[in-house]
Amino acid sequence: MKVYFVRHGQTEFNHIGRIQGGRIDSPLTQVGIEGAKKAGQRLAEVKFDQIYASPLQRAKDTASYIMAENNDPNQPDIIEEINFRELQFGNWEGQFIHDIKEEPQYANLKNQPENYDPSGHEGESYQQLVSRSQQALAKIIKEQATADNLLIVSHGITLTTLIKSLEGKEQAAYRESGLLANTSISIMETDNDGRSFELIAYNS
């Protein structure tokens, strides 16, 4: 089974530099829409057994644009999975990055995830994010045991940390290569009920 992970397209908040986590949303920009369409064209010949997206509109819209380019005439519906939503940033959400970039925990968020403590701004920890996203993926793989290809459309931190954790990386290494780019495609393969994964493509 191959699992295709795609980060949503560029949004208005991405473009203007505002924090956008698991509680707030903003629409895709035209750049984001075009990026989603191009990702769909790259995946046009892949027959997906099931499609999952974060319930945030930016992810659902990206999934819809991707599948609009797919050549499978019998596409499955897009299923919302709440545990693929983005990391929640608490009272940071909606703020401009330049207003919080001097916060010690913002530096930890980006550069030292093993030291990130979100309690001061009522956010969610990396451990909580990995736990919920791994549980969601395990449930999906169990439910889709006979599937060949699954598509998951989610968010930058969620997908980056999920993939790193499935590779067996320690928390300190979650941000070692930065975040996945908007509408990038990453692929992992598992053939043993999701107990181990092989990375086939990353941030491509």
Protein backbone atom coordinates (compact mmCIF):
# COMPACT_ATOMS: atom_id res chain seq x y z
CA MET A 1 0.00 0.00 0.00
CA LYS A 2 1.21 3.48 -0.89
CA VAL A 3 0.13 6.53 1.09
CA TYR A 4 0.38 9.85 -0.74
CA PHE A 5 0.68 12.90 1.54
CA VAL A 6 0.00 16.35 0.07
CA ARG A 7 0.21 19.64 1.93
CA HIS A 8 -2.55 22.13 1.14
CA GLY A 9 -1.99 24.97 -1.28
CA GLN A 10 -0.78 28.43 -0.33
CA THR A 11 -3.40 30.40 1.63
CA GLU A 12 -3.95 34.09 2.25
CA PHE A 13 -2.48 33.74 5.76
CA ASN A 14 0.55 31.88 4.37
CA HIS A 15 1.05 34.72 1.92
CA ILE A 16 0.86 37.57 4.44
CA GLY A 17 2.69 35.78 7.27
CA ARG A 18 -0.04 35.08 9.82
CA ILE A 19 -0.09 32.05 12.11
CA GLN A 20 -2.59 29.52 10.84
CA GLY A 21 -3.03 26.38 12.89
CA GLY A 22 -5.73 23.87 13.68
CA ARG A 23 -8.39 26.31 14.82
CA ILE A 24 -8.51 29.00 12.13
CA ASP A 25 -8.52 28.98 8.37
CA SER A 26 -8.05 31.21 5.36
CA PRO A 27 -8.81 30.67 1.67
CA LEU A 28 -6.39 29.39 -0.93
CA THR A 29 -4.71 32.07 -3.01
CA GLN A 30 -4.65 31.78 -6.78
CA VAL A 31 -1.09 30.47 -6.40
CA GLY A 32 -2.44 27.85 -4.01
CA ILE A 33 -5.20 26.83 -6.40
CA GLU A 34 -2.77 26.50 -9.31
CA GLY A 35 -0.38 24.50 -7.13
CA ALA A 36 -3.16 22.10 -6.17
CA LYS A 37 -4.10 21.64 -9.82
CA LYS A 38 -0.49 20.92 -10.74
CA ALA A 39 -0.24 18.34 -7.95
CA GLY A 40 -3.41 16.79 -9.32
CA GLN A 41 -1.92 16.63 -12.80
CA ARG A 42 1.13 14.84 -11.40
CA LEU A 43 -1.17 12.32 -9.72
CA ALA A 44 -3.69 12.10 -12.55
CA GLU A 45 -2.99 8.45 -13.35
CA VAL A 46 -3.05 7.22 -9.74
CA LYS A 47 -6.26 5.41 -8.84
CA PHE A 48 -6.93 6.26 -5.20
CA ASP A 49 -8.94 3.76 -3.19
CA GLN A 50 -9.81 6.44 -0.66
CA ILE A 51 -9.12 10.13 -0.06
CA TYR A 52 -8.82 11.79 3.34
CA ALA A 53 -8.49 15.46 4.21
CA SER A 54 -8.22 17.60 7.28
CA PRO A 55 -11.61 19.22 8.03
CA LEU A 56 -10.08 22.67 7.54
CA GLN A 57 -11.33 24.18 4.30
CA ARG A 58 -7.88 24.86 2.87
CA ALA A 59 -7.14 21.13 2.93
CA LYS A 60 -10.54 20.06 1.63
CA ASP A 61 -10.36 22.55 -1.23
CA THR A 62 -6.87 21.35 -2.14
CA ALA A 63 -8.09 17.75 -2.21
CA SER A 64 -10.96 18.75 -4.49
CA TYR A 65 -8.66 20.54 -6.92
CA ILE A 66 -6.31 17.56 -6.96
CA MET A 67 -9.06 15.08 -7.71
CA ALA A 68 -10.57 17.33 -10.38
CA GLU A 69 -7.43 16.53 -12.40
CA ASN A 70 -7.59 12.77 -11.76
CA ASN A 71 -8.48 10.45 -14.63
CA ASP A 72 -10.29 7.84 -12.53
CA PRO A 73 -13.99 8.00 -13.51
CA ASN A 74 -15.03 6.29 -10.26
CA GLN A 75 -13.41 8.47 -7.64
CA PRO A 76 -14.28 7.93 -3.99
CA ASP A 77 -15.64 10.77 -1.90
CA ILE A 78 -13.29 12.87 0.21
CA ILE A 79 -13.53 11.84 3.87
CA GLU A 80 -12.79 14.40 6.58
CA GLU A 81 -10.42 13.21 9.31
CA ILE A 82 -10.26 15.61 12.24
CA ASN A 83 -6.96 14.23 13.49
CA PHE A 84 -5.21 15.37 10.32
CA ARG A 85 -5.89 19.03 11.20
CA GLU A 86 -2.91 21.31 11.76
CA LEU A 87 -1.04 21.73 15.05
CA GLN A 88 -3.05 24.02 17.28
CA PHE A 89 -1.25 27.19 18.35
CA GLY A 90 -3.72 28.44 20.95
CA ASN A 91 -3.68 32.22 21.31
CA TRP A 92 -0.94 32.56 18.68
CA GLU A 93 -3.42 31.72 15.95
CA GLY A 94 -4.22 34.62 13.66
CA GLN A 95 -1.27 36.70 14.86
CA PHE A 96 1.38 37.94 12.50
CA ILE A 97 4.59 35.93 12.69
CA HIS A 98 6.66 39.10 13.05
CA ASP A 99 4.78 39.87 16.28
CA ILE A 100 5.73 36.59 17.98
CA LYS A 101 8.99 35.60 16.32
CA GLU A 102 11.02 36.79 19.32
CA GLU A 103 9.10 34.45 21.65
CA PRO A 104 11.46 31.71 22.93
CA GLN A 105 8.89 29.03 22.20
CA TYR A 106 8.54 30.19 18.61
CA ALA A 107 12.25 29.52 18.13
CA ASN A 108 11.80 26.10 19.73
CA LEU A 109 8.81 25.36 17.51
CA LYS A 110 10.95 25.86 14.43
CA ASN A 111 14.43 24.84 15.50
CA GLN A 112 14.32 22.71 18.64
CA PRO A 113 11.04 20.79 18.65
CA GLU A 114 12.25 18.64 21.55
CA ASN A 115 12.13 21.79 23.72
CA TYR A 116 8.85 23.21 22.44
CA ASP A 117 6.46 23.93 25.32
CA PRO A 118 3.13 25.40 24.12
CA SER A 119 1.51 25.66 27.55
CA GLY A 120 2.16 29.42 27.82
CA HIS A 121 0.06 30.16 24.73
CA GLU A 122 -2.41 27.28 25.25
CA GLY A 123 -1.23 25.39 22.21
CA GLU A 124 -0.75 21.74 21.32
CA SER A 125 2.50 19.84 21.75
CA TYR A 126 4.38 17.89 19.11
CA GLN A 127 3.72 14.72 21.14
CA GLN A 128 -0.03 15.31 21.00
CA LEU A 129 0.12 15.98 17.27
CA VAL A 130 2.09 12.84 16.50
CA SER A 131 -0.14 10.71 18.71
CA ARG A 132 -3.39 11.79 17.10
CA SER A 133 -2.10 11.73 13.52
CA GLN A 134 -0.51 8.30 13.90
CA GLN A 135 -3.71 6.94 15.45
CA ALA A 136 -5.74 8.32 12.56
CA LEU A 137 -3.42 6.79 9.98
CA ALA A 138 -3.41 3.41 11.76
CA LYS A 139 -7.22 3.39 11.79
CA ILE A 140 -7.35 4.24 8.08
CA ILE A 141 -4.85 1.56 7.11
CA LYS A 142 -6.81 -1.03 9.09
CA GLU A 143 -10.07 0.02 7.43
CA GLN A 144 -8.49 0.08 3.96
CA ALA A 145 -6.46 -3.10 4.31
CA THR A 146 -6.89 -4.08 0.66
CA ALA A 147 -6.17 -0.62 -0.77
CA ASP A 148 -3.29 0.06 -3.13
CA ASN A 149 -3.22 3.86 -2.92
CA LEU A 150 -4.48 6.32 -0.33
CA LEU A 151 -4.40 10.12 -0.54
CA ILE A 152 -4.10 12.29 2.57
CA VAL A 153 -4.30 16.08 2.23
CA SER A 154 -3.25 17.90 5.36
CA HIS A 155 -0.91 20.58 6.72
CA GLY A 156 2.76 21.50 6.90
CA ILE A 157 3.62 20.70 10.49
CA THR A 158 1.19 17.79 10.72
CA LEU A 159 2.54 15.99 7.66
CA THR A 160 6.19 16.84 8.31
CA THR A 161 6.10 15.47 11.85
CA LEU A 162 3.93 12.47 10.94
CA ILE A 163 6.30 11.38 8.20
CA LYS A 164 9.40 11.93 10.35
CA SER A 165 7.83 9.94 13.19
CA LEU A 166 6.90 7.08 10.85
CA GLU A 167 10.54 7.01 9.75
CA GLY A 168 11.46 6.49 13.40
CA LYS A 169 13.04 9.91 13.86
CA GLU A 170 13.40 11.39 17.33
CA GLN A 171 11.44 14.55 18.14
CA ALA A 172 14.60 16.66 17.87
CA ALA A 173 14.79 15.74 14.17
CA TYR A 174 11.21 16.62 13.21
CA ARG A 175 12.17 20.01 11.75
CA GLU A 176 15.67 19.13 10.53
CA SER A 177 14.74 19.62 6.87
CA GLY A 178 12.17 22.37 7.33
CA LEU A 179 8.50 22.06 6.50
CA LEU A 180 6.97 20.41 3.49
CA ALA A 181 6.23 22.93 0.76
CA ASN A 182 2.69 23.86 -0.20
CA THR A 183 1.19 21.24 -2.56
CA SER A 184 4.31 19.08 -2.31
CA ILE A 185 3.86 15.32 -2.65
CA SER A 186 5.43 12.79 -0.30
CA ILE A 187 4.91 9.03 -0.57
CA MET A 188 5.36 6.24 1.96
CA GLU A 189 4.83 2.54 1.44
CA THR A 190 3.75 -0.10 3.95
CA ASP A 191 3.07 -3.77 3.37
CA ASN A 192 2.55 -5.00 6.92
CA ASP A 193 -0.60 -3.34 8.24
CA GLY A 194 1.12 -0.07 9.01
CA ARG A 195 3.70 -1.40 11.46
CA SER A 196 6.59 -0.02 9.41
CA PHE A 197 6.95 2.43 6.56
CA GLU A 198 9.43 3.12 3.77
CA LEU A 199 9.82 6.65 2.43
CA ILE A 200 9.53 6.64 -1.37
CA ALA A 201 9.40 10.38 -2.09
CA TYR A 202 9.67 13.45 0.15
CA ASN A 203 8.61 17.03 -0.49
CA SER A 204 8.68 16.50 -4.24
